Amino acid sequence: MSRKTISKRAFHYSRVLLCVCLVAWLSVVGTVAVAAEIKIGFVNAARVLEEAPQADAARARLEREFSPRDKKLVDAQKKVRTLEEKLTRDGAIMSETERRKLERDILSQQRDLKRSQEEFREDLNIRRNEAFDILRRRVFEVINDIAKAEKYDLVISDGVVYANDHIDITGKVVEQLKKEFAVTTKK
């Protein structure tokens, strides 16, 4: 079993455990303190990551960083395609030696292109994960800050089937991130 599979299972089990604990906690609190009000909030993490300007900035940085390499890959693909067309078009009239040389050249360039594409995808995924991991941590901090400032007893996120609009604090999180982004871009 791969580390990724184990990690996904562990994450899934931790979410299930969190939901079970939440239900147990709510049932205990509900019976113990029927009259006490509990302030619960909900955050739609996917919406936050979609609407946060920091996410757009991270995507733009990645685009700037990786577009030159992407352009080189596209150029290499065109070059291989041109050689393949030449082989198809002129292969019958080429000498055996010329045709074999061209075929080897095409195979070599295809291998190099495939290797370059795989390296590109790996590098892009690593950088994307790094960039969005930083954003996820900041979103978590903003959620905690809002929860403490507005005295929430519980804030939940993923795995929620339904959340009433009056407990949804996603907009507050997005607005805070927008304010922070505006301040950091003015510097």
Protein backbone atom coordinates (compact mmCIF):
# COMPACT_ATOMS: atom_id res chain seq x y z
CA MET A 1 0.00 0.00 0.00
CA SER A 2 1.43 3.38 -0.95
CA ARG A 3 2.05 6.26 1.44
CA LYS A 4 -0.52 8.31 -0.45
CA THR A 5 -3.21 5.64 0.04
CA ILE A 6 -2.35 5.33 3.71
CA SER A 7 -2.42 9.10 4.08
CA LYS A 8 -5.82 9.34 2.37
CA ARG A 9 -7.24 6.60 4.57
CA ALA A 10 -5.84 8.22 7.71
CA PHE A 11 -7.36 11.55 6.64
CA HIS A 12 -10.71 9.87 5.94
CA TYR A 13 -10.68 8.07 9.29
CA SER A 14 -9.77 11.27 11.12
CA ARG A 15 -12.71 13.06 9.47
CA VAL A 16 -15.08 10.24 10.41
CA LEU A 17 -13.74 10.30 13.97
CA LEU A 18 -14.20 14.07 14.09
CA CYS A 19 -17.83 13.74 12.95
CA VAL A 20 -18.51 11.02 15.54
CA CYS A 21 -16.93 13.14 18.28
CA LEU A 22 -18.93 16.15 17.12
CA VAL A 23 -22.21 14.23 17.28
CA ALA A 24 -21.32 12.82 20.69
CA TRP A 25 -20.30 16.25 21.98
CA LEU A 26 -23.46 17.88 20.65
CA SER A 27 -25.66 15.22 22.22
CA VAL A 28 -23.91 15.62 25.60
CA VAL A 29 -23.98 19.40 25.47
CA GLY A 30 -27.57 19.34 24.26
CA THR A 31 -28.74 17.27 27.21
CA VAL A 32 -26.59 18.97 29.84
CA ALA A 33 -27.18 22.55 28.81
CA VAL A 34 -30.55 22.67 27.13
CA ALA A 35 -31.05 26.30 28.08
CA ALA A 36 -27.50 27.40 27.20
CA GLU A 37 -26.97 28.78 23.72
CA ILE A 38 -24.23 27.29 21.63
CA LYS A 39 -22.80 29.41 18.86
CA ILE A 40 -21.87 27.25 15.87
CA GLY A 41 -20.35 28.41 12.62
CA PHE A 42 -19.75 26.74 9.29
CA VAL A 43 -17.05 27.47 6.68
CA ASN A 44 -17.22 26.28 3.09
CA ALA A 45 -13.49 25.69 2.55
CA ALA A 46 -13.83 25.10 -1.19
CA ARG A 47 -15.59 28.45 -1.63
CA VAL A 48 -12.93 30.22 0.44
CA LEU A 49 -10.15 28.77 -1.69
CA GLU A 50 -12.07 29.70 -4.84
CA GLU A 51 -12.86 33.29 -3.85
CA ALA A 52 -9.75 34.29 -1.90
CA PRO A 53 -7.61 36.73 -3.89
CA GLN A 54 -4.54 34.97 -2.51
CA ALA A 55 -5.57 31.88 -4.50
CA ASP A 56 -5.79 33.92 -7.72
CA ALA A 57 -2.39 35.46 -6.98
CA ALA A 58 -0.89 32.01 -6.35
CA ARG A 59 -2.32 30.72 -9.65
CA ALA A 60 -0.92 33.76 -11.49
CA ARG A 61 2.53 33.25 -9.91
CA LEU A 62 2.50 29.60 -10.95
CA GLU A 63 1.47 30.57 -14.47
CA ARG A 64 4.32 33.08 -14.73
CA GLU A 65 6.80 30.61 -13.28
CA PHE A 66 5.84 27.66 -15.49
CA SER A 67 4.74 29.29 -18.76
CA PRO A 68 8.27 29.41 -20.26
CA ARG A 69 8.71 25.67 -19.65
CA ASP A 70 5.24 24.99 -21.03
CA LYS A 71 6.09 26.96 -24.17
CA LYS A 72 9.27 24.89 -24.62
CA LEU A 73 7.24 21.68 -24.31
CA VAL A 74 4.75 22.89 -26.90
CA ASP A 75 7.61 23.78 -29.25
CA ALA A 76 9.17 20.34 -28.72
CA GLN A 77 5.82 18.68 -29.50
CA LYS A 78 5.57 20.67 -32.73
CA LYS A 79 9.11 19.66 -33.68
CA VAL A 80 8.36 15.96 -33.13
CA ARG A 81 5.09 16.28 -35.07
CA THR A 82 6.97 17.93 -37.96
CA LEU A 83 9.51 15.08 -38.03
CA GLU A 84 6.70 12.49 -37.97
CA GLU A 85 4.98 14.25 -40.86
CA LYS A 86 8.25 14.28 -42.78
CA LEU A 87 8.68 10.54 -42.19
CA THR A 88 5.12 9.87 -43.34
CA ARG A 89 5.43 12.11 -46.37
CA ASP A 90 9.00 11.29 -47.49
CA GLY A 91 9.67 7.90 -45.88
CA ALA A 92 8.95 5.96 -49.04
CA ILE A 93 11.47 7.91 -51.12
CA MET A 94 14.22 8.06 -48.45
CA SER A 95 17.10 5.67 -48.40
CA GLU A 96 16.92 2.94 -45.74
CA THR A 97 19.70 4.64 -43.77
CA GLU A 98 18.03 8.05 -43.84
CA ARG A 99 14.67 6.61 -42.83
CA ARG A 100 16.18 4.65 -39.88
CA LYS A 101 18.11 7.73 -38.75
CA LEU A 102 14.95 9.83 -38.84
CA GLU A 103 12.96 7.13 -36.97
CA ARG A 104 15.66 6.98 -34.25
CA ASP A 105 15.68 10.76 -34.03
CA ILE A 106 11.89 10.82 -33.63
CA LEU A 107 11.98 8.12 -30.92
CA SER A 108 14.76 9.92 -29.07
CA GLN A 109 12.92 13.22 -29.15
CA GLN A 110 9.65 11.55 -28.08
CA ARG A 111 11.41 10.01 -25.06
CA ASP A 112 12.99 13.34 -24.15
CA LEU A 113 9.64 15.08 -24.55
CA LYS A 114 7.85 12.52 -22.39
CA ARG A 115 10.49 12.82 -19.68
CA SER A 116 10.32 16.62 -19.80
CA GLN A 117 6.51 16.54 -19.59
CA GLU A 118 6.62 14.27 -16.53
CA GLU A 119 9.20 16.50 -14.83
CA PHE A 120 7.08 19.54 -15.66
CA ARG A 121 3.92 17.98 -14.16
CA GLU A 122 5.79 16.88 -11.03
CA ASP A 123 7.40 20.29 -10.52
CA LEU A 124 4.09 22.08 -11.13
CA ASN A 125 2.26 19.81 -8.67
CA ILE A 126 4.92 20.31 -6.01
CA ARG A 127 4.84 24.10 -6.39
CA ARG A 128 1.02 24.18 -6.50
CA ASN A 129 0.84 22.10 -3.32
CA GLU A 130 3.37 24.37 -1.60
CA ALA A 131 1.52 27.53 -2.60
CA PHE A 132 -1.91 26.29 -1.62
CA ASP A 133 -0.66 24.72 1.60
CA ILE A 134 0.47 28.19 2.71
CA LEU A 135 -2.96 29.56 1.80
CA ARG A 136 -4.76 26.72 3.63
CA ARG A 137 -2.77 27.47 6.78
CA ARG A 138 -3.65 31.16 6.53
CA VAL A 139 -7.35 30.34 6.00
CA PHE A 140 -7.23 28.17 9.13
CA GLU A 141 -5.69 31.06 11.08
CA VAL A 142 -8.36 33.49 9.84
CA ILE A 143 -11.13 31.05 10.79
CA ASN A 144 -9.64 30.72 14.28
CA ASP A 145 -9.32 34.50 14.63
CA ILE A 146 -12.95 35.06 13.61
CA ALA A 147 -14.15 32.23 15.88
CA LYS A 148 -12.34 33.69 18.88
CA ALA A 149 -13.31 37.29 18.15
CA GLU A 150 -16.98 36.46 17.67
CA LYS A 151 -17.04 33.85 20.45
CA TYR A 152 -18.04 30.78 18.45
CA ASP A 153 -18.20 27.55 20.43
CA LEU A 154 -17.71 25.40 17.35
CA VAL A 155 -16.77 26.00 13.73
CA ILE A 156 -17.10 23.12 11.28
CA SER A 157 -16.13 22.69 7.66
CA ASP A 158 -15.94 19.76 5.20
CA GLY A 159 -18.20 16.79 5.55
CA VAL A 160 -21.28 18.89 6.34
CA VAL A 161 -24.44 17.83 4.56
CA TYR A 162 -26.40 20.98 5.39
CA ALA A 163 -25.60 24.30 7.04
CA ASN A 164 -28.12 27.09 7.57
CA ASP A 165 -27.05 30.47 6.18
CA HIS A 166 -27.13 32.12 9.61
CA ILE A 167 -24.25 29.92 10.83
CA ASP A 168 -22.21 30.21 7.61
CA ILE A 169 -19.18 32.44 8.25
CA THR A 170 -17.53 31.71 4.89
CA GLY A 171 -18.19 35.26 3.69
CA LYS A 172 -16.45 36.70 6.75
CA VAL A 173 -13.40 34.52 6.12
CA VAL A 174 -13.26 35.57 2.45
CA GLU A 175 -13.67 39.26 3.36
CA GLN A 176 -10.84 39.05 5.91
CA LEU A 177 -8.59 37.40 3.34
CA LYS A 178 -9.49 40.12 0.81
CA LYS A 179 -8.62 42.83 3.33
CA GLU A 180 -5.28 41.19 4.09
CA PHE A 181 -4.54 40.79 0.38
CA ALA A 182 -5.33 44.44 -0.29
CA VAL A 183 -2.94 45.50 2.47
CA THR A 184 -0.13 43.22 1.28
CA THR A 185 -0.46 44.30 -2.37
CA LYS A 186 -0.25 48.00 -1.44
CA LYS A 187 3.17 47.48 0.18
